[in-house]
Amino acid sequence: MTQLDDLYRRVIMDHYKNPRNRGKFDDDTVTVDLNNPTCGDRISLQLKLADGIVEDARFTGEGCSISMSSASMMTEAVKGKKLDEALEFADKFSSLMKGEEVTFDDYEDLEALSGVNKFPARIKCATLAWNALRKGIDHND
């Protein structure tokens, strides 16, 4: 294992053990519930969207370290972004999952998930939260 692989593994496990933005909002939000029947991952994503911006994001759910870490990273990455910027992040993340070279200047933790593309069955785990984000933004239009 390379030092980079070890670093990526530590980043993923940190987000899994210490998830950012885990929880629910009490007030009006866009809520998207998705699951991955293949492995049992499930997420409930809540988005506070106003004036074309993702003001805040939180999630709850259960799943593997990949799905929960990806949800944690995604909520961190898109907070404060314009909706089109959040969707661009989602597109870049999809490219990363296809094995394409992508850099996330604003939120480098996402690059820790680059190795997931070597395990096709795990790609759905990593993209679950991102699919919820897309659905939530589309629902808002």
N, C-alpha and C. Protein backbone atom coordinates (compact mmCIF):
# COMPACT_ATOMS: atom_id res chain seq x y z
N MET A 1 0.84 -1.18 0.00
CA MET A 1 0.00 0.00 0.00
C MET A 1 0.89 1.25 0.00
N THR A 2 0.55 2.19 -0.87
CA THR A 2 1.34 3.41 -0.93
C THR A 2 0.94 4.35 0.20
N GLN A 3 1.78 5.35 0.43
CA GLN A 3 1.45 6.34 1.45
C GLN A 3 0.17 7.09 1.10
N LEU A 4 -0.05 7.33 -0.20
CA LEU A 4 -1.26 8.02 -0.63
C LEU A 4 -2.50 7.16 -0.34
N ASP A 5 -2.43 5.87 -0.62
CA ASP A 5 -3.55 4.97 -0.32
C ASP A 5 -3.85 4.99 1.18
N ASP A 6 -2.80 4.98 1.99
CA ASP A 6 -2.97 4.99 3.44
C ASP A 6 -3.62 6.31 3.88
N LEU A 7 -3.18 7.41 3.30
CA LEU A 7 -3.78 8.71 3.62
C LEU A 7 -5.26 8.72 3.24
N TYR A 8 -5.56 8.24 2.04
CA TYR A 8 -6.95 8.20 1.59
C TYR A 8 -7.80 7.34 2.51
N ARG A 9 -7.28 6.21 2.91
CA ARG A 9 -8.01 5.32 3.81
C ARG A 9 -8.29 6.05 5.14
N ARG A 10 -7.31 6.78 5.64
CA ARG A 10 -7.50 7.52 6.91
C ARG A 10 -8.56 8.61 6.75
N VAL A 11 -8.56 9.31 5.62
CA VAL A 11 -9.56 10.35 5.37
C VAL A 11 -10.95 9.73 5.33
N ILE A 12 -11.10 8.63 4.61
CA ILE A 12 -12.40 7.95 4.52
C ILE A 12 -12.86 7.51 5.90
N MET A 13 -11.98 6.88 6.67
CA MET A 13 -12.38 6.40 7.99
C MET A 13 -12.67 7.55 8.95
N ASP A 14 -11.98 8.66 8.80
CA ASP A 14 -12.27 9.82 9.64
C ASP A 14 -13.69 10.32 9.38
N HIS A 15 -14.06 10.43 8.11
CA HIS A 15 -15.42 10.88 7.78
C HIS A 15 -16.47 9.85 8.22
N TYR A 16 -16.10 8.57 8.21
CA TYR A 16 -17.03 7.53 8.62
C TYR A 16 -17.24 7.56 10.14
N LYS A 17 -16.15 7.68 10.88
CA LYS A 17 -16.23 7.65 12.34
C LYS A 17 -16.66 8.99 12.93
N ASN A 18 -16.37 10.07 12.22
CA ASN A 18 -16.70 11.43 12.68
C ASN A 18 -17.42 12.17 11.56
N PRO A 19 -18.63 11.71 11.22
CA PRO A 19 -19.31 12.31 10.06
C PRO A 19 -19.64 13.78 10.28
N ARG A 20 -19.43 14.55 9.25
CA ARG A 20 -19.79 15.96 9.27
C ARG A 20 -21.24 16.07 8.82
N ASN A 21 -21.96 16.99 9.45
CA ASN A 21 -23.34 17.32 9.04
C ASN A 21 -24.31 16.14 9.19
N ARG A 22 -24.05 15.27 10.12
CA ARG A 22 -24.98 14.18 10.39
C ARG A 22 -26.08 14.70 11.30
N GLY A 23 -27.31 14.43 10.94
CA GLY A 23 -28.44 14.88 11.75
C GLY A 23 -29.54 15.40 10.86
N LYS A 24 -30.55 15.98 11.51
CA LYS A 24 -31.72 16.48 10.78
C LYS A 24 -31.99 17.93 11.14
N PHE A 25 -32.61 18.62 10.20
CA PHE A 25 -33.10 19.96 10.45
C PHE A 25 -34.53 19.85 10.99
N ASP A 26 -34.93 20.79 11.82
CA ASP A 26 -36.29 20.80 12.34
C ASP A 26 -37.24 21.59 11.46
N ASP A 27 -36.69 22.44 10.62
CA ASP A 27 -37.56 23.32 9.82
C ASP A 27 -37.65 22.85 8.38
N ASP A 28 -38.25 23.67 7.56
CA ASP A 28 -38.56 23.33 6.18
C ASP A 28 -37.29 23.12 5.34
N THR A 29 -37.21 21.95 4.75
CA THR A 29 -36.08 21.60 3.90
C THR A 29 -36.56 20.72 2.76
N VAL A 30 -35.70 20.56 1.77
CA VAL A 30 -35.91 19.57 0.73
C VAL A 30 -35.31 18.28 1.28
N THR A 31 -36.11 17.21 1.31
CA THR A 31 -35.65 15.93 1.84
C THR A 31 -35.72 14.87 0.75
N VAL A 32 -34.63 14.13 0.60
CA VAL A 32 -34.57 13.05 -0.38
C VAL A 32 -34.12 11.79 0.34
N ASP A 33 -34.91 10.74 0.19
CA ASP A 33 -34.57 9.43 0.76
C ASP A 33 -34.21 8.49 -0.38
N LEU A 34 -33.03 7.91 -0.31
CA LEU A 34 -32.59 6.96 -1.32
C LEU A 34 -31.97 5.75 -0.63
N ASN A 35 -32.01 4.62 -1.33
CA ASN A 35 -31.31 3.46 -0.81
C ASN A 35 -30.67 2.70 -1.96
N ASN A 36 -29.71 1.91 -1.58
CA ASN A 36 -29.01 1.04 -2.53
C ASN A 36 -29.39 -0.39 -2.15
N PRO A 37 -30.38 -0.97 -2.83
CA PRO A 37 -30.84 -2.30 -2.45
C PRO A 37 -29.77 -3.39 -2.60
N THR A 38 -28.76 -3.13 -3.40
CA THR A 38 -27.70 -4.11 -3.61
C THR A 38 -26.96 -4.42 -2.31
N CYS A 39 -26.69 -3.38 -1.51
CA CYS A 39 -25.91 -3.60 -0.30
C CYS A 39 -26.61 -3.10 0.97
N GLY A 40 -27.75 -2.45 0.84
CA GLY A 40 -28.49 -2.00 2.01
C GLY A 40 -28.18 -0.60 2.49
N ASP A 41 -27.31 0.12 1.79
CA ASP A 41 -27.04 1.51 2.17
C ASP A 41 -28.32 2.33 2.01
N ARG A 42 -28.56 3.24 2.95
CA ARG A 42 -29.68 4.15 2.79
C ARG A 42 -29.30 5.51 3.35
N ILE A 43 -29.87 6.54 2.74
CA ILE A 43 -29.57 7.91 3.16
C ILE A 43 -30.84 8.74 3.09
N SER A 44 -30.94 9.64 4.03
CA SER A 44 -31.95 10.68 4.00
C SER A 44 -31.17 11.99 4.00
N LEU A 45 -31.23 12.70 2.89
CA LEU A 45 -30.49 13.95 2.72
C LEU A 45 -31.46 15.11 2.86
N GLN A 46 -31.10 16.09 3.67
CA GLN A 46 -31.89 17.30 3.79
C GLN A 46 -31.06 18.48 3.30
N LEU A 47 -31.69 19.29 2.48
CA LEU A 47 -31.03 20.46 1.91
C LEU A 47 -31.82 21.71 2.23
N LYS A 48 -31.11 22.74 2.68
CA LYS A 48 -31.70 24.06 2.81
C LYS A 48 -31.26 24.84 1.57
N LEU A 49 -32.21 25.08 0.69
CA LEU A 49 -31.93 25.76 -0.56
C LEU A 49 -32.66 27.10 -0.56
N ALA A 50 -31.92 28.16 -0.87
CA ALA A 50 -32.53 29.48 -0.93
C ALA A 50 -31.73 30.37 -1.86
N ASP A 51 -32.43 31.12 -2.67
CA ASP A 51 -31.78 32.07 -3.58
C ASP A 51 -30.72 31.41 -4.45
N GLY A 52 -31.00 30.18 -4.88
CA GLY A 52 -30.08 29.49 -5.77
C GLY A 52 -28.82 28.98 -5.12
N ILE A 53 -28.84 28.84 -3.79
CA ILE A 53 -27.65 28.41 -3.05
C ILE A 53 -28.00 27.25 -2.12
N VAL A 54 -27.06 26.33 -1.96
CA VAL A 54 -27.19 25.29 -0.94
C VAL A 54 -26.71 25.93 0.36
N GLU A 55 -27.67 26.41 1.15
CA GLU A 55 -27.29 27.08 2.39
C GLU A 55 -26.74 26.11 3.42
N ASP A 56 -27.33 24.91 3.46
CA ASP A 56 -26.88 23.92 4.42
C ASP A 56 -27.33 22.54 3.96
N ALA A 57 -26.68 21.52 4.50
CA ALA A 57 -27.01 20.14 4.13
C ALA A 57 -26.72 19.24 5.32
N ARG A 58 -27.62 18.29 5.54
CA ARG A 58 -27.43 17.29 6.58
C ARG A 58 -27.91 15.95 6.07
N PHE A 59 -27.46 14.89 6.72
CA PHE A 59 -27.89 13.56 6.31
C PHE A 59 -28.01 12.65 7.51
N THR A 60 -28.84 11.65 7.35
CA THR A 60 -28.90 10.52 8.26
C THR A 60 -28.91 9.28 7.39
N GLY A 61 -28.66 8.15 7.99
CA GLY A 61 -28.71 6.92 7.23
C GLY A 61 -27.79 5.87 7.81
N GLU A 62 -27.76 4.76 7.13
CA GLU A 62 -26.91 3.65 7.52
C GLU A 62 -26.26 3.08 6.29
N GLY A 63 -25.05 2.61 6.46
CA GLY A 63 -24.39 2.00 5.32
C GLY A 63 -22.92 1.76 5.59
N CYS A 64 -22.25 1.37 4.55
CA CYS A 64 -20.83 1.07 4.64
C CYS A 64 -20.00 2.35 4.79
N SER A 65 -18.73 2.17 5.06
CA SER A 65 -17.85 3.32 5.26
C SER A 65 -17.78 4.19 4.01
N ILE A 66 -17.87 3.58 2.84
CA ILE A 66 -17.79 4.35 1.60
C ILE A 66 -19.01 5.26 1.46
N SER A 67 -20.21 4.73 1.64
CA SER A 67 -21.42 5.54 1.44
C SER A 67 -21.53 6.64 2.48
N MET A 68 -21.25 6.32 3.74
CA MET A 68 -21.40 7.32 4.80
C MET A 68 -20.29 8.38 4.71
N SER A 69 -19.08 7.97 4.36
CA SER A 69 -17.99 8.95 4.18
C SER A 69 -18.29 9.87 3.01
N SER A 70 -18.79 9.30 1.93
CA SER A 70 -19.12 10.10 0.75
C SER A 70 -20.21 11.13 1.09
N ALA A 71 -21.21 10.71 1.87
CA ALA A 71 -22.27 11.64 2.28
C ALA A 71 -21.71 12.77 3.13
N SER A 72 -20.82 12.42 4.05
CA SER A 72 -20.19 13.43 4.91
C SER A 72 -19.39 14.43 4.07
N MET A 73 -18.60 13.90 3.15
CA MET A 73 -17.78 14.76 2.29
C MET A 73 -18.65 15.63 1.38
N MET A 74 -19.69 15.02 0.81
CA MET A 74 -20.57 15.76 -0.10
C MET A 74 -21.23 16.93 0.61
N THR A 75 -21.75 16.70 1.82
CA THR A 75 -22.43 17.80 2.51
C THR A 75 -21.45 18.93 2.83
N GLU A 76 -20.23 18.58 3.17
CA GLU A 76 -19.21 19.61 3.42
C GLU A 76 -18.88 20.38 2.13
N ALA A 77 -18.76 19.64 1.04
CA ALA A 77 -18.31 20.23 -0.22
C ALA A 77 -19.32 21.20 -0.82
N VAL A 78 -20.61 20.93 -0.65
CA VAL A 78 -21.61 21.73 -1.36
C VAL A 78 -22.21 22.87 -0.54
N LYS A 79 -21.98 22.89 0.76
CA LYS A 79 -22.53 23.97 1.57
C LYS A 79 -21.99 25.32 1.10
N GLY A 80 -22.92 26.24 0.88
CA GLY A 80 -22.55 27.58 0.45
C GLY A 80 -22.36 27.72 -1.06
N LYS A 81 -22.49 26.62 -1.77
CA LYS A 81 -22.31 26.66 -3.24
C LYS A 81 -23.62 27.03 -3.93
N LYS A 82 -23.49 27.68 -5.08
CA LYS A 82 -24.65 27.90 -5.94
C LYS A 82 -25.10 26.53 -6.43
N LEU A 83 -26.39 26.43 -6.77
CA LEU A 83 -26.93 25.14 -7.20
C LEU A 83 -26.18 24.58 -8.40
N ASP A 84 -25.85 25.44 -9.37
CA ASP A 84 -25.12 24.94 -10.54
C ASP A 84 -23.71 24.49 -10.16
N GLU A 85 -23.09 25.14 -9.18
CA GLU A 85 -21.77 24.71 -8.73
C GLU A 85 -21.86 23.36 -8.01
N ALA A 86 -22.92 23.17 -7.22
CA ALA A 86 -23.12 21.89 -6.54
C ALA A 86 -23.31 20.77 -7.55
N LEU A 87 -24.06 21.06 -8.61
CA LEU A 87 -24.27 20.05 -9.66
C LEU A 87 -22.97 19.78 -10.43
N GLU A 88 -22.14 20.81 -10.61
CA GLU A 88 -20.83 20.61 -11.23
C GLU A 88 -19.97 19.69 -10.37
N PHE A 89 -20.02 19.88 -9.04
CA PHE A 89 -19.30 18.99 -8.13
C PHE A 89 -19.78 17.56 -8.32
N ALA A 90 -21.11 17.39 -8.43
CA ALA A 90 -21.68 16.05 -8.63
C ALA A 90 -21.18 15.44 -9.94
N ASP A 91 -21.10 16.26 -10.99
CA ASP A 91 -20.60 15.77 -12.27
C ASP A 91 -19.13 15.38 -12.17
N LYS A 92 -18.35 16.20 -11.47
CA LYS A 92 -16.93 15.88 -11.30
C LYS A 92 -16.77 14.60 -10.49
N PHE A 93 -17.63 14.43 -9.50
CA PHE A 93 -17.55 13.21 -8.69
C PHE A 93 -17.88 11.98 -9.54
N SER A 94 -18.87 12.11 -10.42
CA SER A 94 -19.20 11.01 -11.34
C SER A 94 -18.01 10.68 -12.22
N SER A 95 -17.32 11.71 -12.70
CA SER A 95 -16.12 11.48 -13.52
C SER A 95 -15.05 10.76 -12.72
N LEU A 96 -14.88 11.14 -11.46
CA LEU A 96 -13.91 10.48 -10.58
C LEU A 96 -14.25 9.00 -10.45
N MET A 97 -15.53 8.70 -10.32
CA MET A 97 -15.96 7.31 -10.19
C MET A 97 -15.75 6.51 -11.47
N LYS A 98 -15.63 7.21 -12.60
CA LYS A 98 -15.36 6.55 -13.87
C LYS A 98 -13.86 6.38 -14.11
N GLY A 99 -13.06 6.83 -13.16
CA GLY A 99 -11.61 6.67 -13.27
C GLY A 99 -10.91 7.83 -13.96
N GLU A 100 -11.64 8.92 -14.19
CA GLU A 100 -11.05 10.08 -14.85
C GLU A 100 -10.27 10.91 -13.84
N GLU A 101 -9.25 11.61 -14.34
CA GLU A 101 -8.45 12.49 -13.50
C GLU A 101 -9.27 13.74 -13.16
N VAL A 102 -9.53 13.93 -11.89
CA VAL A 102 -10.32 15.07 -11.44
C VAL A 102 -9.66 15.63 -10.19
N THR A 103 -9.67 16.94 -10.06
CA THR A 103 -9.21 17.55 -8.82
C THR A 103 -10.32 18.42 -8.25
N PHE A 104 -10.41 18.41 -6.96
CA PHE A 104 -11.40 19.20 -6.25
C PHE A 104 -10.65 20.26 -5.46
N ASP A 105 -10.43 21.40 -6.10
CA ASP A 105 -9.64 22.45 -5.47
C ASP A 105 -10.29 22.95 -4.18
N ASP A 106 -11.63 23.00 -4.17
CA ASP A 106 -12.33 23.55 -3.01
C ASP A 106 -12.46 22.56 -1.87
N TYR A 107 -12.37 21.26 -2.18
CA TYR A 107 -12.57 20.26 -1.13
C TYR A 107 -11.86 18.97 -1.51
N GLU A 108 -10.59 18.90 -1.15
CA GLU A 108 -9.72 17.82 -1.59
C GLU A 108 -10.04 16.47 -0.96
N ASP A 109 -10.77 16.43 0.16
CA ASP A 109 -11.09 15.15 0.79
C ASP A 109 -11.78 14.20 -0.19
N LEU A 110 -12.55 14.77 -1.12
CA LEU A 110 -13.27 13.93 -2.09
C LEU A 110 -12.34 13.05 -2.90
N GLU A 111 -11.12 13.50 -3.11
CA GLU A 111 -10.17 12.72 -3.90
C GLU A 111 -9.81 11.41 -3.20
N ALA A 112 -10.07 11.33 -1.89
CA ALA A 112 -9.79 10.10 -1.15
C ALA A 112 -10.65 8.95 -1.67
N LEU A 113 -11.77 9.26 -2.31
CA LEU A 113 -12.65 8.22 -2.83
C LEU A 113 -12.29 7.78 -4.24
N SER A 114 -11.17 8.28 -4.77
CA SER A 114 -10.79 7.96 -6.15
C SER A 114 -10.55 6.47 -6.38
N GLY A 115 -10.11 5.75 -5.37
CA GLY A 115 -9.83 4.33 -5.53
C GLY A 115 -11.07 3.45 -5.64
N VAL A 116 -12.23 4.02 -5.32
CA VAL A 116 -13.47 3.26 -5.37
C VAL A 116 -13.75 2.74 -6.78
N ASN A 117 -13.30 3.48 -7.80
CA ASN A 117 -13.60 3.08 -9.18
C ASN A 117 -12.99 1.72 -9.54
N LYS A 118 -12.05 1.24 -8.73
CA LYS A 118 -11.46 -0.08 -8.98
C LYS A 118 -12.38 -1.21 -8.51
N PHE A 119 -13.45 -0.84 -7.79
CA PHE A 119 -14.40 -1.81 -7.25
C PHE A 119 -15.80 -1.43 -7.71
N PRO A 120 -16.18 -1.87 -8.92
CA PRO A 120 -17.46 -1.45 -9.51
C PRO A 120 -18.67 -1.60 -8.59
N ALA A 121 -18.69 -2.63 -7.77
CA ALA A 121 -19.84 -2.82 -6.87
C ALA A 121 -19.94 -1.72 -5.82
N ARG A 122 -18.83 -1.05 -5.55
CA ARG A 122 -18.82 -0.01 -4.51
C ARG A 122 -19.13 1.38 -5.05
N ILE A 123 -19.14 1.54 -6.37
CA ILE A 123 -19.42 2.85 -6.96
C ILE A 123 -20.80 3.34 -6.56
N LYS A 124 -21.79 2.43 -6.53
CA LYS A 124 -23.13 2.83 -6.10
C LYS A 124 -23.14 3.31 -4.66
N CYS A 125 -22.29 2.74 -3.84
CA CYS A 125 -22.16 3.18 -2.45
C CYS A 125 -21.67 4.63 -2.40
N ALA A 126 -20.64 4.91 -3.17
CA ALA A 126 -20.03 6.24 -3.17
C ALA A 126 -20.93 7.30 -3.78
N THR A 127 -21.76 6.92 -4.74
CA THR A 127 -22.57 7.91 -5.46
C THR A 127 -23.97 8.10 -4.88
N LEU A 128 -24.34 7.33 -3.88
CA LEU A 128 -25.70 7.41 -3.33
C LEU A 128 -26.04 8.82 -2.85
N ALA A 129 -25.19 9.42 -2.05
CA ALA A 129 -25.46 10.77 -1.54
C ALA A 129 -25.49 11.80 -2.67
N TRP A 130 -24.64 11.61 -3.66
CA TRP A 130 -24.59 12.54 -4.80
C TRP A 130 -25.85 12.45 -5.63
N ASN A 131 -26.39 11.24 -5.77
CA ASN A 131 -27.65 11.07 -6.49
C ASN A 131 -28.79 11.74 -5.72
N ALA A 132 -28.73 11.66 -4.40
CA ALA A 132 -29.73 12.34 -3.56
C ALA A 132 -29.63 13.86 -3.74
N LEU A 133 -28.40 14.35 -3.82
CA LEU A 133 -28.19 15.79 -4.03
C LEU A 133 -28.81 16.24 -5.35
N ARG A 134 -28.53 15.51 -6.42
CA ARG A 134 -29.09 15.85 -7.72
C ARG A 134 -30.62 15.86 -7.67
N LYS A 135 -31.18 14.83 -7.08
CA LYS A 135 -32.62 14.70 -6.98
C LYS A 135 -33.21 15.87 -6.18
N GLY A 136 -32.57 16.24 -5.10
CA GLY A 136 -33.03 17.35 -4.27
C GLY A 136 -33.00 18.67 -5.00
N ILE A 137 -31.93 18.91 -5.75
CA ILE A 137 -31.83 20.16 -6.51
C ILE A 137 -32.84 20.17 -7.64
N ASP A 138 -33.02 19.04 -8.33
CA ASP A 138 -34.01 18.94 -9.39
C ASP A 138 -35.41 19.16 -8.84
N HIS A 139 -35.69 18.63 -7.66
CA HIS A 139 -37.00 18.77 -7.01
C HIS A 139 -37.30 20.24 -6.68
N ASN A 140 -36.23 20.97 -6.44
CA ASN A 140 -36.37 22.38 -6.06
C ASN A 140 -36.81 23.26 -7.24
N ASP A 141 -36.49 22.85 -8.46
CA ASP A 141 -36.80 23.68 -9.64
C ASP A 141 -38.28 23.79 -9.90
